[in-house]
Amino acid sequence: MPLDSLGANLFFQLISARYERGSIILTSNKGFGEWGELMGDPVLATAVLDRLLHHAYIINIRGNSYRLKDRLKTGLYYGSPNGKA
């Protein structure tokens, strides 16, 4: 879900406060190029990503979700196996 202006600014403050002081583990299903739209401000998104990626190890995981895979096995989900209904 997109962040409103207050949420985006609070997220930036959190990342800035942690920058070079401690580790951050962050997961997202959005690519870096989509963060500007997600945060409603491409400049703010760039500043957040600049801090997050400065000393980052990026692990890109592709494939079906384990949760979705389990639901498909139990028959609780009737969408397509790639997660798109």
N, C-alpha and C. Protein backbone atom coordinates (compact mmCIF):
# COMPACT_ATOMS: atom_id res chain seq x y z
N MET A 1 0.84 -1.18 0.00
CA MET A 1 0.00 0.00 0.00
C MET A 1 0.88 1.24 0.00
N PRO A 2 0.51 2.22 -0.76
CA PRO A 2 1.29 3.46 -0.76
C PRO A 2 1.26 4.13 0.60
N LEU A 3 2.35 4.80 0.92
CA LEU A 3 2.43 5.56 2.17
C LEU A 3 1.91 6.96 1.95
N ASP A 4 1.25 7.50 2.95
CA ASP A 4 0.88 8.91 2.86
C ASP A 4 2.11 9.74 3.19
N SER A 5 2.00 11.03 3.08
CA SER A 5 3.14 11.92 3.29
C SER A 5 3.75 11.76 4.68
N LEU A 6 2.91 11.67 5.70
CA LEU A 6 3.40 11.51 7.07
C LEU A 6 4.11 10.17 7.22
N GLY A 7 3.53 9.10 6.70
CA GLY A 7 4.14 7.78 6.80
C GLY A 7 5.48 7.72 6.09
N ALA A 8 5.57 8.32 4.91
CA ALA A 8 6.82 8.33 4.16
C ALA A 8 7.90 9.11 4.92
N ASN A 9 7.52 10.24 5.51
CA ASN A 9 8.49 11.03 6.27
C ASN A 9 8.94 10.31 7.54
N LEU A 10 8.03 9.63 8.21
CA LEU A 10 8.40 8.86 9.40
C LEU A 10 9.33 7.70 9.03
N PHE A 11 9.05 7.04 7.90
CA PHE A 11 9.92 5.97 7.45
C PHE A 11 11.31 6.50 7.15
N PHE A 12 11.40 7.66 6.49
CA PHE A 12 12.69 8.28 6.22
C PHE A 12 13.43 8.60 7.52
N GLN A 13 12.72 9.13 8.50
CA GLN A 13 13.35 9.45 9.79
C GLN A 13 13.88 8.19 10.48
N LEU A 14 13.12 7.11 10.41
CA LEU A 14 13.57 5.85 11.00
C LEU A 14 14.84 5.35 10.32
N ILE A 15 14.84 5.34 9.00
CA ILE A 15 16.02 4.88 8.26
C ILE A 15 17.21 5.80 8.53
N SER A 16 16.98 7.09 8.57
CA SER A 16 18.06 8.05 8.84
C SER A 16 18.63 7.86 10.25
N ALA A 17 17.77 7.59 11.21
CA ALA A 17 18.23 7.40 12.60
C ALA A 17 19.08 6.14 12.72
N ARG A 18 18.77 5.10 11.95
CA ARG A 18 19.51 3.84 12.00
C ARG A 18 20.74 3.85 11.09
N TYR A 19 20.81 4.78 10.16
CA TYR A 19 21.88 4.80 9.16
C TYR A 19 23.26 4.82 9.82
N GLU A 20 24.06 3.83 9.49
CA GLU A 20 25.43 3.64 9.99
C GLU A 20 25.50 3.48 11.50
N ARG A 21 24.39 3.15 12.15
CA ARG A 21 24.38 2.91 13.59
C ARG A 21 24.04 1.47 13.93
N GLY A 22 23.36 0.81 13.03
CA GLY A 22 22.96 -0.57 13.28
C GLY A 22 22.40 -1.19 12.02
N SER A 23 22.19 -2.47 12.10
CA SER A 23 21.69 -3.22 10.95
C SER A 23 20.19 -3.04 10.76
N ILE A 24 19.79 -3.18 9.52
CA ILE A 24 18.38 -3.15 9.16
C ILE A 24 18.14 -4.32 8.22
N ILE A 25 17.14 -5.11 8.50
CA ILE A 25 16.70 -6.14 7.56
C ILE A 25 15.35 -5.69 7.04
N LEU A 26 15.25 -5.59 5.75
CA LEU A 26 14.04 -5.07 5.13
C LEU A 26 13.65 -5.99 3.98
N THR A 27 12.39 -6.34 3.92
CA THR A 27 11.90 -7.12 2.78
C THR A 27 10.84 -6.30 2.06
N SER A 28 10.78 -6.49 0.76
CA SER A 28 9.80 -5.77 -0.04
C SER A 28 9.46 -6.59 -1.27
N ASN A 29 8.24 -6.49 -1.71
CA ASN A 29 7.86 -7.11 -2.97
C ASN A 29 7.85 -6.09 -4.10
N LYS A 30 8.43 -4.93 -3.86
CA LYS A 30 8.50 -3.87 -4.86
C LYS A 30 9.96 -3.65 -5.26
N GLY A 31 10.17 -3.41 -6.55
CA GLY A 31 11.50 -3.07 -7.03
C GLY A 31 11.86 -1.64 -6.64
N PHE A 32 13.16 -1.35 -6.66
CA PHE A 32 13.61 -0.01 -6.26
C PHE A 32 12.97 1.08 -7.11
N GLY A 33 12.73 0.81 -8.36
CA GLY A 33 12.12 1.79 -9.26
C GLY A 33 10.69 2.15 -8.89
N GLU A 34 10.04 1.31 -8.11
CA GLU A 34 8.65 1.55 -7.71
C GLU A 34 8.54 2.30 -6.38
N TRP A 35 9.64 2.52 -5.70
CA TRP A 35 9.58 3.13 -4.38
C TRP A 35 9.12 4.58 -4.41
N GLY A 36 9.43 5.31 -5.46
CA GLY A 36 8.97 6.69 -5.58
C GLY A 36 7.47 6.78 -5.59
N GLU A 37 6.83 5.88 -6.34
CA GLU A 37 5.37 5.83 -6.38
C GLU A 37 4.82 5.36 -5.04
N LEU A 38 5.47 4.38 -4.46
CA LEU A 38 5.03 3.83 -3.17
C LEU A 38 5.05 4.88 -2.07
N MET A 39 6.09 5.71 -2.07
CA MET A 39 6.24 6.73 -1.03
C MET A 39 5.59 8.05 -1.40
N GLY A 40 5.15 8.17 -2.65
CA GLY A 40 4.50 9.40 -3.08
C GLY A 40 5.46 10.56 -3.31
N ASP A 41 6.76 10.28 -3.25
CA ASP A 41 7.77 11.33 -3.41
C ASP A 41 9.06 10.68 -3.89
N PRO A 42 9.38 10.80 -5.18
CA PRO A 42 10.59 10.17 -5.71
C PRO A 42 11.88 10.66 -5.06
N VAL A 43 11.93 11.93 -4.66
CA VAL A 43 13.14 12.47 -4.02
C VAL A 43 13.34 11.83 -2.64
N LEU A 44 12.27 11.71 -1.88
CA LEU A 44 12.34 11.08 -0.57
C LEU A 44 12.70 9.60 -0.71
N ALA A 45 12.12 8.93 -1.69
CA ALA A 45 12.43 7.52 -1.93
C ALA A 45 13.91 7.34 -2.28
N THR A 46 14.44 8.25 -3.08
CA THR A 46 15.86 8.19 -3.43
C THR A 46 16.74 8.36 -2.20
N ALA A 47 16.36 9.27 -1.31
CA ALA A 47 17.13 9.49 -0.08
C ALA A 47 17.09 8.26 0.82
N VAL A 48 15.93 7.63 0.92
CA VAL A 48 15.80 6.40 1.72
C VAL A 48 16.66 5.30 1.12
N LEU A 49 16.53 5.09 -0.18
CA LEU A 49 17.29 4.03 -0.84
C LEU A 49 18.79 4.29 -0.78
N ASP A 50 19.19 5.55 -0.86
CA ASP A 50 20.60 5.90 -0.75
C ASP A 50 21.17 5.42 0.59
N ARG A 51 20.44 5.64 1.66
CA ARG A 51 20.90 5.22 2.98
C ARG A 51 20.83 3.70 3.14
N LEU A 52 19.75 3.10 2.66
CA LEU A 52 19.60 1.65 2.80
C LEU A 52 20.64 0.87 2.00
N LEU A 53 20.96 1.34 0.82
CA LEU A 53 21.82 0.58 -0.08
C LEU A 53 23.31 0.87 0.08
N HIS A 54 23.67 1.87 0.87
CA HIS A 54 25.07 2.27 1.00
C HIS A 54 25.98 1.13 1.42
N HIS A 55 25.64 0.38 2.43
CA HIS A 55 26.44 -0.75 2.89
C HIS A 55 25.66 -2.06 2.78
N ALA A 56 24.74 -2.14 1.85
CA ALA A 56 23.77 -3.25 1.81
C ALA A 56 24.30 -4.50 1.14
N TYR A 57 23.76 -5.60 1.58
CA TYR A 57 23.81 -6.87 0.86
C TYR A 57 22.40 -7.10 0.36
N ILE A 58 22.24 -7.21 -0.93
CA ILE A 58 20.91 -7.38 -1.51
C ILE A 58 20.75 -8.82 -1.94
N ILE A 59 19.70 -9.43 -1.47
CA ILE A 59 19.37 -10.81 -1.84
C ILE A 59 18.04 -10.76 -2.58
N ASN A 60 18.07 -11.11 -3.84
CA ASN A 60 16.87 -11.09 -4.66
C ASN A 60 16.33 -12.51 -4.73
N ILE A 61 15.18 -12.73 -4.18
CA ILE A 61 14.56 -14.05 -4.14
C ILE A 61 13.44 -14.07 -5.17
N ARG A 62 13.47 -15.03 -6.05
CA ARG A 62 12.44 -15.16 -7.07
C ARG A 62 11.73 -16.49 -6.87
N GLY A 63 10.51 -16.53 -7.32
CA GLY A 63 9.76 -17.77 -7.24
C GLY A 63 8.49 -17.59 -6.43
N ASN A 64 7.77 -18.68 -6.29
CA ASN A 64 6.51 -18.64 -5.57
C ASN A 64 6.74 -18.50 -4.07
N SER A 65 5.81 -17.87 -3.43
CA SER A 65 5.82 -17.70 -1.98
C SER A 65 5.62 -19.05 -1.30
N TYR A 66 6.35 -19.30 -0.21
CA TYR A 66 6.15 -20.53 0.56
C TYR A 66 4.77 -20.58 1.18
N ARG A 67 4.27 -19.45 1.62
CA ARG A 67 2.91 -19.42 2.19
C ARG A 67 1.88 -19.78 1.14
N LEU A 68 2.03 -19.22 -0.05
CA LEU A 68 1.10 -19.53 -1.13
C LEU A 68 1.21 -21.01 -1.52
N LYS A 69 2.42 -21.50 -1.57
CA LYS A 69 2.64 -22.90 -1.91
C LYS A 69 1.94 -23.82 -0.92
N ASP A 70 2.03 -23.51 0.36
CA ASP A 70 1.35 -24.31 1.39
C ASP A 70 -0.16 -24.24 1.24
N ARG A 71 -0.68 -23.07 0.93
CA ARG A 71 -2.13 -22.92 0.75
C ARG A 71 -2.62 -23.71 -0.46
N LEU A 72 -1.81 -23.72 -1.52
CA LEU A 72 -2.18 -24.49 -2.71
C LEU A 72 -2.23 -25.97 -2.38
N LYS A 73 -1.29 -26.45 -1.54
CA LYS A 73 -1.27 -27.86 -1.15
C LYS A 73 -2.51 -28.24 -0.35
N THR A 74 -2.96 -27.34 0.50
CA THR A 74 -4.10 -27.66 1.36
C THR A 74 -5.44 -27.43 0.66
N GLY A 75 -5.40 -26.82 -0.51
CA GLY A 75 -6.63 -26.57 -1.24
C GLY A 75 -7.38 -25.34 -0.75
N LEU A 76 -6.74 -24.49 0.06
CA LEU A 76 -7.39 -23.29 0.58
C LEU A 76 -7.31 -22.10 -0.38
N TYR A 77 -6.55 -22.25 -1.44
CA TYR A 77 -6.39 -21.16 -2.40
C TYR A 77 -6.66 -21.72 -3.79
N TYR A 78 -7.47 -21.03 -4.57
CA TYR A 78 -7.85 -21.53 -5.87
C TYR A 78 -7.39 -20.65 -7.01
N GLY A 79 -6.42 -19.77 -6.75
CA GLY A 79 -5.88 -18.93 -7.80
C GLY A 79 -4.86 -19.69 -8.61
N SER A 80 -4.16 -19.00 -9.47
CA SER A 80 -3.11 -19.65 -10.26
C SER A 80 -1.87 -19.83 -9.39
N PRO A 81 -1.00 -20.79 -9.70
CA PRO A 81 0.18 -21.07 -8.89
C PRO A 81 1.18 -19.91 -8.81
N ASN A 82 1.15 -18.96 -9.75
CA ASN A 82 2.08 -17.84 -9.69
C ASN A 82 1.56 -16.70 -8.83
N GLY A 83 0.42 -16.91 -8.13
CA GLY A 83 -0.09 -15.91 -7.21
C GLY A 83 -1.00 -14.89 -7.85
N LYS A 84 -1.26 -15.02 -9.15
CA LYS A 84 -2.14 -14.08 -9.82
C LYS A 84 -3.47 -14.75 -10.06
N ALA A 85 -4.52 -14.19 -9.51
CA ALA A 85 -5.86 -14.80 -9.62
C ALA A 85 -6.43 -14.61 -11.00
